[in-house]
């Protein structure tokens, strides 16, 4: 049974509300009888028990939806979440301080017969660690929902998809020096930071310098012409790190990891990016290879 875009949004928001409000017995009604979470298969009750255990580690835990983009044809959505809670037990070697910790997650979720059947997610774990190390520092989350509403909807759904694929093609072909300006504004924002297009190029080139065989492969792409946004899961497969980056020290081990990002197009070019790269997955693989 194919559900409407509105139905999918309502189902997912209801699922999140149950989690935020601790209504654990209600969660399974929104789940398919087999549910895959970051490529691990669960039955609904087992997964609910896992989520309940994680939620018990926090007091006052709440979940807020920043934005949702939906592909009705694929019965898939992308969601950026902003959550907070006060830890009640030791985390990352730090005792509870009574202060809130903030979390940003990007989810891609698929539905089968109107039930949640698969989720792939990334968490900004480096930001969480930073908050534990610097509890007095002010935390500011760059919310997609706070970006201005565009008066002109320049690109169609297909136009957004084509523009984004061309942008990634420019990176994969290593033509950024000459072509990146075709796809990005001269001044833009990346995770809340003001950048010129040249500074954005240098960030990408820094990754490629550390990981020369880095290839940007689109796993899932959702384009929303109304907001002029694109949500994408990019996968990096069989990558060998040659220079230290993001705390990853080269050891000859090939790794696989992913990036979830949302891009805002303005006048047919990229103006803002909200990105979470799952460096933690690469760290786990490299650590395991060391033993």
C-alpha atoms as a PDB file:
ATOM      1  CA  UNK A   1       0.000   0.000   0.000  1.00  0.00           C
ATOM      2  CA  UNK A   2       1.510   3.326  -1.101  1.00  0.00           C
ATOM      3  CA  UNK A   3       1.038   6.177   1.360  1.00  0.00           C
ATOM      4  CA  UNK A   4       0.833   9.872   0.532  1.00  0.00           C
ATOM      5  CA  UNK A   5       3.599  12.303   1.398  1.00  0.00           C
ATOM      6  CA  UNK A   6       1.395  13.698   4.158  1.00  0.00           C
ATOM      7  CA  UNK A   7       0.763  10.207   5.546  1.00  0.00           C
ATOM      8  CA  UNK A   8       4.480   9.405   5.701  1.00  0.00           C
ATOM      9  CA  UNK A   9       5.246  12.644   7.515  1.00  0.00           C
ATOM     10  CA  UNK A  10       2.460  12.003  10.031  1.00  0.00           C
ATOM     11  CA  UNK A  11       3.563   8.408  10.661  1.00  0.00           C
ATOM     12  CA  UNK A  12       7.161   9.427  11.245  1.00  0.00           C
ATOM     13  CA  UNK A  13       6.258  12.342  13.501  1.00  0.00           C
ATOM     14  CA  UNK A  14       4.003  10.042  15.530  1.00  0.00           C
ATOM     15  CA  UNK A  15       6.868   7.539  15.849  1.00  0.00           C
ATOM     16  CA  UNK A  16       9.180  10.308  17.083  1.00  0.00           C
ATOM     17  CA  UNK A  17       6.553  11.636  19.494  1.00  0.00           C
ATOM     18  CA  UNK A  18       6.206   8.186  21.060  1.00  0.00           C
ATOM     19  CA  UNK A  19       9.976   8.037  21.550  1.00  0.00           C
ATOM     20  CA  UNK A  20      10.212  11.564  22.952  1.00  0.00           C
ATOM     21  CA  UNK A  21       7.275  10.998  25.331  1.00  0.00           C
ATOM     22  CA  UNK A  22       8.340   7.506  26.423  1.00  0.00           C
ATOM     23  CA  UNK A  23       5.190   5.803  25.085  1.00  0.00           C
ATOM     24  CA  UNK A  24       7.082   2.583  24.411  1.00  0.00           C
ATOM     25  CA  UNK A  25       4.063   0.325  24.036  1.00  0.00           C
ATOM     26  CA  UNK A  26       2.798   2.501  21.157  1.00  0.00           C
ATOM     27  CA  UNK A  27       5.986   2.357  19.071  1.00  0.00           C
ATOM     28  CA  UNK A  28       5.499  -1.107  17.475  1.00  0.00           C
ATOM     29  CA  UNK A  29       2.255  -0.059  15.772  1.00  0.00           C
ATOM     30  CA  UNK A  30       4.285   2.169  13.454  1.00  0.00           C
ATOM     31  CA  UNK A  31       6.893  -0.490  12.625  1.00  0.00           C
ATOM     32  CA  UNK A  32       7.021  -3.203  10.004  1.00  0.00           C
ATOM     33  CA  UNK A  33       7.355  -6.698  11.426  1.00  0.00           C
ATOM     34  CA  UNK A  34      10.977  -6.679  10.283  1.00  0.00           C
ATOM     35  CA  UNK A  35      12.875  -3.469  10.850  1.00  0.00           C
ATOM     36  CA  UNK A  36      16.426  -2.675   9.764  1.00  0.00           C
ATOM     37  CA  UNK A  37      18.361   0.002  11.622  1.00  0.00           C
ATOM     38  CA  UNK A  38      21.764   0.921  10.165  1.00  0.00           C
ATOM     39  CA  UNK A  39      21.839  -2.480   8.457  1.00  0.00           C
ATOM     40  CA  UNK A  40      21.035  -4.449  11.632  1.00  0.00           C
ATOM     41  CA  UNK A  41      17.744  -6.346  11.635  1.00  0.00           C
ATOM     42  CA  UNK A  42      15.370  -6.184  14.602  1.00  0.00           C
ATOM     43  CA  UNK A  43      11.878  -7.279  15.450  1.00  0.00           C
ATOM     44  CA  UNK A  44       9.841  -4.316  16.750  1.00  0.00           C
ATOM     45  CA  UNK A  45       9.889  -5.282  20.420  1.00  0.00           C
ATOM     46  CA  UNK A  46      13.643  -5.852  20.510  1.00  0.00           C
ATOM     47  CA  UNK A  47      14.271  -2.481  18.908  1.00  0.00           C
ATOM     48  CA  UNK A  48      11.865  -0.709  21.259  1.00  0.00           C
ATOM     49  CA  UNK A  49      13.736  -2.213  24.227  1.00  0.00           C
ATOM     50  CA  UNK A  50      17.005  -0.875  22.791  1.00  0.00           C
ATOM     51  CA  UNK A  51      15.592   2.638  22.336  1.00  0.00           C
ATOM     52  CA  UNK A  52      14.057   2.561  25.814  1.00  0.00           C
ATOM     53  CA  UNK A  53      17.428   1.641  27.312  1.00  0.00           C
ATOM     54  CA  UNK A  54      19.165   4.497  25.495  1.00  0.00           C
ATOM     55  CA  UNK A  55      16.492   7.002  26.551  1.00  0.00           C
ATOM     56  CA  UNK A  56      16.857   5.919  30.194  1.00  0.00           C
ATOM     57  CA  UNK A  57      20.384   7.330  30.180  1.00  0.00           C
ATOM     58  CA  UNK A  58      18.948  10.857  30.046  1.00  0.00           C
ATOM     59  CA  UNK A  59      16.556  13.007  32.049  1.00  0.00           C
ATOM     60  CA  UNK A  60      14.247  15.360  30.219  1.00  0.00           C
ATOM     61  CA  UNK A  61      15.050  13.867  26.821  1.00  0.00           C
ATOM     62  CA  UNK A  62      13.162  15.541  23.975  1.00  0.00           C
ATOM     63  CA  UNK A  63      13.218  15.200  20.189  1.00  0.00           C
ATOM     64  CA  UNK A  64      12.459  18.053  17.805  1.00  0.00           C
ATOM     65  CA  UNK A  65      12.068  17.818  14.035  1.00  0.00           C
ATOM     66  CA  UNK A  66      14.131  20.417  12.210  1.00  0.00           C
ATOM     67  CA  UNK A  67      13.011  19.498   8.690  1.00  0.00           C
ATOM     68  CA  UNK A  68      11.597  16.587   6.679  1.00  0.00           C
ATOM     69  CA  UNK A  69      11.962  15.961   2.939  1.00  0.00           C
ATOM     70  CA  UNK A  70       9.891  13.180   1.360  1.00  0.00           C
ATOM     71  CA  UNK A  71      10.000  11.089  -1.804  1.00  0.00           C
ATOM     72  CA  UNK A  72       6.495   9.687  -2.128  1.00  0.00           C
ATOM     73  CA  UNK A  73       7.402   7.449  -5.060  1.00  0.00           C
ATOM     74  CA  UNK A  74      10.188   5.715  -3.146  1.00  0.00           C
ATOM     75  CA  UNK A  75       8.178   5.789   0.121  1.00  0.00           C
ATOM     76  CA  UNK A  76      11.240   7.329   1.745  1.00  0.00           C
ATOM     77  CA  UNK A  77      11.940  10.442   3.782  1.00  0.00           C
ATOM     78  CA  UNK A  78      14.931  12.360   5.076  1.00  0.00           C
ATOM     79  CA  UNK A  79      14.699  13.974   8.496  1.00  0.00           C
ATOM     80  CA  UNK A  80      17.040  16.219  10.467  1.00  0.00           C
ATOM     81  CA  UNK A  81      16.461  15.984  14.219  1.00  0.00           C
ATOM     82  CA  UNK A  82      17.569  18.242  17.054  1.00  0.00           C
ATOM     83  CA  UNK A  83      17.383  16.562  20.462  1.00  0.00           C
ATOM     84  CA  UNK A  84      18.534  17.256  23.999  1.00  0.00           C
ATOM     85  CA  UNK A  85      18.714  15.551  27.391  1.00  0.00           C
ATOM     86  CA  UNK A  86      20.618  15.610  30.688  1.00  0.00           C
ATOM     87  CA  UNK A  87      22.870  12.529  31.062  1.00  0.00           C
ATOM     88  CA  UNK A  88      22.181  10.469  34.173  1.00  0.00           C
ATOM     89  CA  UNK A  89      25.252   8.234  33.909  1.00  0.00           C
ATOM     90  CA  UNK A  90      28.895   8.460  32.874  1.00  0.00           C
ATOM     91  CA  UNK A  91      29.388   9.103  29.170  1.00  0.00           C
ATOM     92  CA  UNK A  92      32.673   9.456  27.273  1.00  0.00           C
ATOM     93  CA  UNK A  93      34.462   9.354  30.618  1.00  0.00           C
ATOM     94  CA  UNK A  94      32.522  12.319  32.038  1.00  0.00           C
ATOM     95  CA  UNK A  95      30.273  12.202  35.097  1.00  0.00           C
ATOM     96  CA  UNK A  96      26.762  13.719  34.853  1.00  0.00           C
ATOM     97  CA  UNK A  97      26.830  17.482  35.403  1.00  0.00           C
ATOM     98  CA  UNK A  98      23.112  18.224  35.250  1.00  0.00           C
ATOM     99  CA  UNK A  99      23.562  20.151  32.008  1.00  0.00           C
ATOM    100  CA  UNK A 100      21.798  19.401  28.769  1.00  0.00           C
ATOM    101  CA  UNK A 101      23.657  17.743  25.924  1.00  0.00           C
ATOM    102  CA  UNK A 102      22.430  18.500  22.409  1.00  0.00           C
ATOM    103  CA  UNK A 103      22.296  16.013  19.542  1.00  0.00           C
ATOM    104  CA  UNK A 104      21.850  16.479  15.811  1.00  0.00           C
ATOM    105  CA  UNK A 105      20.921  13.462  13.693  1.00  0.00           C
ATOM    106  CA  UNK A 106      20.120  12.948  10.026  1.00  0.00           C
ATOM    107  CA  UNK A 107      17.788  10.041   9.245  1.00  0.00           C
ATOM    108  CA  UNK A 108      16.731   8.372   6.030  1.00  0.00           C
ATOM    109  CA  UNK A 109      13.656   6.207   6.604  1.00  0.00           C
ATOM    110  CA  UNK A 110      11.797   3.808   4.311  1.00  0.00           C
ATOM    111  CA  UNK A 111       8.250   2.525   4.656  1.00  0.00           C
ATOM    112  CA  UNK A 112       6.628  -0.750   3.624  1.00  0.00           C
ATOM    113  CA  UNK A 113       2.812  -0.858   3.562  1.00  0.00           C
ATOM    114  CA  UNK A 114       2.773   2.314   5.646  1.00  0.00           C
ATOM    115  CA  UNK A 115       5.055   0.888   8.332  1.00  0.00           C
ATOM    116  CA  UNK A 116       8.577   1.989   9.146  1.00  0.00           C
ATOM    117  CA  UNK A 117      10.820  -0.755   7.763  1.00  0.00           C
ATOM    118  CA  UNK A 118      14.328   0.687   7.466  1.00  0.00           C
ATOM    119  CA  UNK A 119      16.380   3.551   8.889  1.00  0.00           C
ATOM    120  CA  UNK A 120      19.874   4.773   8.100  1.00  0.00           C
ATOM    121  CA  UNK A 121      21.116   7.502  10.388  1.00  0.00           C
ATOM    122  CA  UNK A 122      24.161   9.578  11.235  1.00  0.00           C
ATOM    123  CA  UNK A 123      24.793  11.374  14.526  1.00  0.00           C
ATOM    124  CA  UNK A 124      27.106  14.348  14.989  1.00  0.00           C
ATOM    125  CA  UNK A 125      29.106  12.472  17.628  1.00  0.00           C
ATOM    126  CA  UNK A 126      32.066  14.869  17.453  1.00  0.00           C
ATOM    127  CA  UNK A 127      29.796  17.709  18.575  1.00  0.00           C
ATOM    128  CA  UNK A 128      28.562  15.592  21.485  1.00  0.00           C
ATOM    129  CA  UNK A 129      32.123  14.855  22.583  1.00  0.00           C
ATOM    130  CA  UNK A 130      32.970  18.542  22.334  1.00  0.00           C
ATOM    131  CA  UNK A 131      30.095  19.401  24.669  1.00  0.00           C
ATOM    132  CA  UNK A 132      31.357  16.932  27.272  1.00  0.00           C
ATOM    133  CA  UNK A 133      34.894  18.315  27.038  1.00  0.00           C
ATOM    134  CA  UNK A 134      33.734  21.946  27.163  1.00  0.00           C
ATOM    135  CA  UNK A 135      30.565  21.981  29.285  1.00  0.00           C
ATOM    136  CA  UNK A 136      30.625  25.777  29.756  1.00  0.00           C
ATOM    137  CA  UNK A 137      30.816  26.578  26.054  1.00  0.00           C
ATOM    138  CA  UNK A 138      27.624  27.822  24.418  1.00  0.00           C
ATOM    139  CA  UNK A 139      26.121  25.327  21.986  1.00  0.00           C
ATOM    140  CA  UNK A 140      24.463  26.770  18.891  1.00  0.00           C
ATOM    141  CA  UNK A 141      22.761  24.484  16.384  1.00  0.00           C
ATOM    142  CA  UNK A 142      22.466  25.698  12.811  1.00  0.00           C
ATOM    143  CA  UNK A 143      18.869  24.746  12.041  1.00  0.00           C
ATOM    144  CA  UNK A 144      17.600  24.126   8.525  1.00  0.00           C
ATOM    145  CA  UNK A 145      14.222  25.430   9.624  1.00  0.00           C
ATOM    146  CA  UNK A 146      15.726  28.835  10.355  1.00  0.00           C
ATOM    147  CA  UNK A 147      16.921  29.328   6.783  1.00  0.00           C
ATOM    148  CA  UNK A 148      14.881  31.901   4.850  1.00  0.00           C
ATOM    149  CA  UNK A 149      11.973  30.851   2.663  1.00  0.00           C
ATOM    150  CA  UNK A 150      12.860  31.414  -0.959  1.00  0.00           C
ATOM    151  CA  UNK A 151      10.497  33.592  -2.956  1.00  0.00           C
ATOM    152  CA  UNK A 152      11.555  32.044  -6.269  1.00  0.00           C
ATOM    153  CA  UNK A 153      11.429  28.271  -6.838  1.00  0.00           C
ATOM    154  CA  UNK A 154      14.049  28.156  -9.572  1.00  0.00           C
ATOM    155  CA  UNK A 155      14.594  24.419 -10.063  1.00  0.00           C
ATOM    156  CA  UNK A 156      12.123  21.583 -10.538  1.00  0.00           C
ATOM    157  CA  UNK A 157      12.570  18.273  -8.737  1.00  0.00           C
ATOM    158  CA  UNK A 158      14.467  16.878 -11.704  1.00  0.00           C
ATOM    159  CA  UNK A 159      16.424  20.106 -12.033  1.00  0.00           C
ATOM    160  CA  UNK A 160      17.576  19.869  -8.400  1.00  0.00           C
ATOM    161  CA  UNK A 161      18.609  16.257  -8.865  1.00  0.00           C
ATOM    162  CA  UNK A 162      20.513  17.048 -12.061  1.00  0.00           C
ATOM    163  CA  UNK A 163      22.249  20.056 -10.493  1.00  0.00           C
ATOM    164  CA  UNK A 164      23.347  18.061  -7.468  1.00  0.00           C
ATOM    165  CA  UNK A 165      24.626  15.140  -9.531  1.00  0.00           C
ATOM    166  CA  UNK A 166      26.600  17.562 -11.678  1.00  0.00           C
ATOM    167  CA  UNK A 167      28.083  19.135  -8.538  1.00  0.00           C
ATOM    168  CA  UNK A 168      29.247  15.732  -7.260  1.00  0.00           C
ATOM    169  CA  UNK A 169      30.503  14.846 -10.728  1.00  0.00           C
ATOM    170  CA  UNK A 170      32.688  17.937 -10.624  1.00  0.00           C
ATOM    171  CA  UNK A 171      34.199  16.702  -7.338  1.00  0.00           C
ATOM    172  CA  UNK A 172      34.659  13.098  -8.475  1.00  0.00           C
ATOM    173  CA  UNK A 173      36.292  14.279 -11.697  1.00  0.00           C
ATOM    174  CA  UNK A 174      38.596  16.511  -9.610  1.00  0.00           C
ATOM    175  CA  UNK A 175      37.533  19.609 -11.578  1.00  0.00           C
ATOM    176  CA  UNK A 176      36.693  21.722  -8.548  1.00  0.00           C
ATOM    177  CA  UNK A 177      39.292  24.363  -9.237  1.00  0.00           C
ATOM    178  CA  UNK A 178      37.640  25.326 -12.501  1.00  0.00           C
ATOM    179  CA  UNK A 179      34.031  24.147 -12.148  1.00  0.00           C
ATOM    180  CA  UNK A 180      32.916  24.426  -8.512  1.00  0.00           C
ATOM    181  CA  UNK A 181      31.913  28.052  -8.963  1.00  0.00           C
ATOM    182  CA  UNK A 182      29.300  26.887 -11.484  1.00  0.00           C
ATOM    183  CA  UNK A 183      27.435  25.014  -8.750  1.00  0.00           C
ATOM    184  CA  UNK A 184      28.014  27.109  -5.603  1.00  0.00           C
ATOM    185  CA  UNK A 185      27.492  30.726  -4.618  1.00  0.00           C
ATOM    186  CA  UNK A 186      30.637  32.770  -4.113  1.00  0.00           C
ATOM    187  CA  UNK A 187      29.678  33.055  -0.427  1.00  0.00           C
ATOM    188  CA  UNK A 188      27.902  30.209   1.349  1.00  0.00           C
ATOM    189  CA  UNK A 189      27.376  28.540   4.732  1.00  0.00           C
ATOM    190  CA  UNK A 190      28.621  25.102   5.738  1.00  0.00           C
ATOM    191  CA  UNK A 191      27.340  23.808   9.108  1.00  0.00           C
ATOM    192  CA  UNK A 192      26.787  27.355  10.266  1.00  0.00           C
ATOM    193  CA  UNK A 193      30.188  28.603   9.149  1.00  0.00           C
ATOM    194  CA  UNK A 194      30.482  31.374   6.563  1.00  0.00           C
ATOM    195  CA  UNK A 195      32.702  30.247   3.682  1.00  0.00           C
ATOM    196  CA  UNK A 196      33.721  31.493   0.294  1.00  0.00           C
ATOM    197  CA  UNK A 197      33.446  28.999  -2.537  1.00  0.00           C
ATOM    198  CA  UNK A 198      37.247  28.739  -2.511  1.00  0.00           C
ATOM    199  CA  UNK A 199      37.232  27.879   1.206  1.00  0.00           C
ATOM    200  CA  UNK A 200      34.587  25.248   0.524  1.00  0.00           C
ATOM    201  CA  UNK A 201      36.794  23.827  -2.222  1.00  0.00           C
ATOM    202  CA  UNK A 202      39.762  23.691   0.160  1.00  0.00           C
ATOM    203  CA  UNK A 203      37.723  21.709   2.687  1.00  0.00           C
ATOM    204  CA  UNK A 204      36.900  19.107   0.044  1.00  0.00           C
ATOM    205  CA  UNK A 205      40.467  19.066  -1.238  1.00  0.00           C
ATOM    206  CA  UNK A 206      41.725  18.493   2.311  1.00  0.00           C
ATOM    207  CA  UNK A 207      39.641  15.318   2.504  1.00  0.00           C
ATOM    208  CA  UNK A 208      40.815  14.149  -0.902  1.00  0.00           C
ATOM    209  CA  UNK A 209      44.444  14.858   0.009  1.00  0.00           C
ATOM    210  CA  UNK A 210      44.063  12.630   3.078  1.00  0.00           C
ATOM    211  CA  UNK A 211      41.981  10.026   1.204  1.00  0.00           C
ATOM    212  CA  UNK A 212      43.042  10.106  -2.482  1.00  0.00           C
ATOM    213  CA  UNK A 213      40.644   7.337  -3.540  1.00  0.00           C
ATOM    214  CA  UNK A 214      37.654   9.126  -2.004  1.00  0.00           C
ATOM    215  CA  UNK A 215      34.721   8.780  -4.406  1.00  0.00           C
ATOM    216  CA  UNK A 216      31.344  10.388  -3.699  1.00  0.00           C
ATOM    217  CA  UNK A 217      28.659   7.764  -4.399  1.00  0.00           C
ATOM    218  CA  UNK A 218      24.986   8.723  -4.090  1.00  0.00           C
ATOM    219  CA  UNK A 219      23.017   6.110  -2.177  1.00  0.00           C
ATOM    220  CA  UNK A 220      19.764   8.057  -1.750  1.00  0.00           C
ATOM    221  CA  UNK A 221      18.721  11.459  -3.052  1.00  0.00           C
ATOM    222  CA  UNK A 222      15.521  13.346  -2.219  1.00  0.00           C
ATOM    223  CA  UNK A 223      14.812  16.676  -3.920  1.00  0.00           C
ATOM    224  CA  UNK A 224      12.104  19.086  -2.758  1.00  0.00           C
ATOM    225  CA  UNK A 225      11.291  21.844  -5.262  1.00  0.00           C
ATOM    226  CA  UNK A 226       9.089  23.713  -2.776  1.00  0.00           C
ATOM    227  CA  UNK A 227      11.988  24.381  -0.379  1.00  0.00           C
ATOM    228  CA  UNK A 228      14.727  24.112  -3.065  1.00  0.00           C
ATOM    229  CA  UNK A 229      16.502  21.603  -0.829  1.00  0.00           C
ATOM    230  CA  UNK A 230      18.187  18.297  -1.547  1.00  0.00           C
ATOM    231  CA  UNK A 231      18.770  15.607   1.081  1.00  0.00           C
ATOM    232  CA  UNK A 232      21.407  13.031   0.222  1.00  0.00           C
ATOM    233  CA  UNK A 233      23.165  10.018   1.648  1.00  0.00           C
ATOM    234  CA  UNK A 234      26.657   9.790   0.181  1.00  0.00           C
ATOM    235  CA  UNK A 235      28.664   6.611   0.668  1.00  0.00           C
ATOM    236  CA  UNK A 236      32.438   6.353   0.618  1.00  0.00           C
ATOM    237  CA  UNK A 237      33.517   2.770  -0.014  1.00  0.00           C
ATOM    238  CA  UNK A 238      36.897   1.018   0.180  1.00  0.00           C
ATOM    239  CA  UNK A 239      38.736   4.198   1.105  1.00  0.00           C
ATOM    240  CA  UNK A 240      42.349   4.102   2.273  1.00  0.00           C
ATOM    241  CA  UNK A 241      43.449   6.964   4.510  1.00  0.00           C
ATOM    242  CA  UNK A 242      46.974   8.170   3.763  1.00  0.00           C
ATOM    243  CA  UNK A 243      47.111  11.292   5.961  1.00  0.00           C
ATOM    244  CA  UNK A 244      45.624  11.914   9.388  1.00  0.00           C
ATOM    245  CA  UNK A 245      42.155  13.443   9.234  1.00  0.00           C
ATOM    246  CA  UNK A 246      39.312  13.755  11.748  1.00  0.00           C
ATOM    247  CA  UNK A 247      41.342  11.788  14.277  1.00  0.00           C
ATOM    248  CA  UNK A 248      41.939   8.942  11.835  1.00  0.00           C
ATOM    249  CA  UNK A 249      45.564   7.818  11.750  1.00  0.00           C
ATOM    250  CA  UNK A 250      46.631   5.873   8.628  1.00  0.00           C
ATOM    251  CA  UNK A 251      47.214   2.163   9.237  1.00  0.00           C
ATOM    252  CA  UNK A 252      46.642   0.686   5.770  1.00  0.00           C
ATOM    253  CA  UNK A 253      43.069  -0.341   6.577  1.00  0.00           C
ATOM    254  CA  UNK A 254      40.373   0.390   3.990  1.00  0.00           C
ATOM    255  CA  UNK A 255      37.156   1.786   5.451  1.00  0.00           C
ATOM    256  CA  UNK A 256      33.561   2.438   4.456  1.00  0.00           C
ATOM    257  CA  UNK A 257      31.578   5.363   5.839  1.00  0.00           C
ATOM    258  CA  UNK A 258      28.772   7.703   4.891  1.00  0.00           C
ATOM    259  CA  UNK A 259      27.683  11.312   4.923  1.00  0.00           C
ATOM    260  CA  UNK A 260      24.140  12.614   5.316  1.00  0.00           C
ATOM    261  CA  UNK A 261      23.629  16.175   4.148  1.00  0.00           C
ATOM    262  CA  UNK A 262      21.003  18.715   3.199  1.00  0.00           C
ATOM    263  CA  UNK A 263      21.753  21.304   0.508  1.00  0.00           C
ATOM    264  CA  UNK A 264      19.847  24.519  -0.078  1.00  0.00           C
ATOM    265  CA  UNK A 265      19.843  25.842  -3.625  1.00  0.00           C
ATOM    266  CA  UNK A 266      19.225  29.506  -4.318  1.00  0.00           C
ATOM    267  CA  UNK A 267      18.970  30.698  -7.911  1.00  0.00           C
ATOM    268  CA  UNK A 268      20.080  27.228  -9.074  1.00  0.00           C
ATOM    269  CA  UNK A 269      23.312  27.166  -7.054  1.00  0.00           C
ATOM    270  CA  UNK A 270      24.206  25.782  -3.621  1.00  0.00           C
ATOM    271  CA  UNK A 271      23.964  28.378  -0.890  1.00  0.00           C
ATOM    272  CA  UNK A 272      23.898  26.381   2.400  1.00  0.00           C
ATOM    273  CA  UNK A 273      24.960  22.901   3.502  1.00  0.00           C
ATOM    274  CA  UNK A 274      24.101  20.977   6.665  1.00  0.00           C
ATOM    275  CA  UNK A 275      26.320  17.897   6.813  1.00  0.00           C
ATOM    276  CA  UNK A 276      27.140  15.038   9.163  1.00  0.00           C
ATOM    277  CA  UNK A 277      30.017  12.774   8.137  1.00  0.00           C
ATOM    278  CA  UNK A 278      30.117   9.465   9.989  1.00  0.00           C
ATOM    279  CA  UNK A 279      33.818   9.584  10.825  1.00  0.00           C
ATOM    280  CA  UNK A 280      33.017   7.445  13.866  1.00  0.00           C
ATOM    281  CA  UNK A 281      32.237   4.453  11.639  1.00  0.00           C
ATOM    282  CA  UNK A 282      35.663   4.784  10.024  1.00  0.00           C
ATOM    283  CA  UNK A 283      37.305   5.069  13.458  1.00  0.00           C
ATOM    284  CA  UNK A 284      35.650   1.857  14.614  1.00  0.00           C
ATOM    285  CA  UNK A 285      36.853  -0.031  11.543  1.00  0.00           C
ATOM    286  CA  UNK A 286      40.413   1.231  11.885  1.00  0.00           C
ATOM    287  CA  UNK A 287      40.502   0.462  15.602  1.00  0.00           C
ATOM    288  CA  UNK A 288      39.226  -3.069  15.004  1.00  0.00           C
ATOM    289  CA  UNK A 289      41.878  -3.622  12.334  1.00  0.00           C
ATOM    290  CA  UNK A 290      44.592  -2.667  14.815  1.00  0.00           C
ATOM    291  CA  UNK A 291      43.843  -5.668  17.056  1.00  0.00           C
END
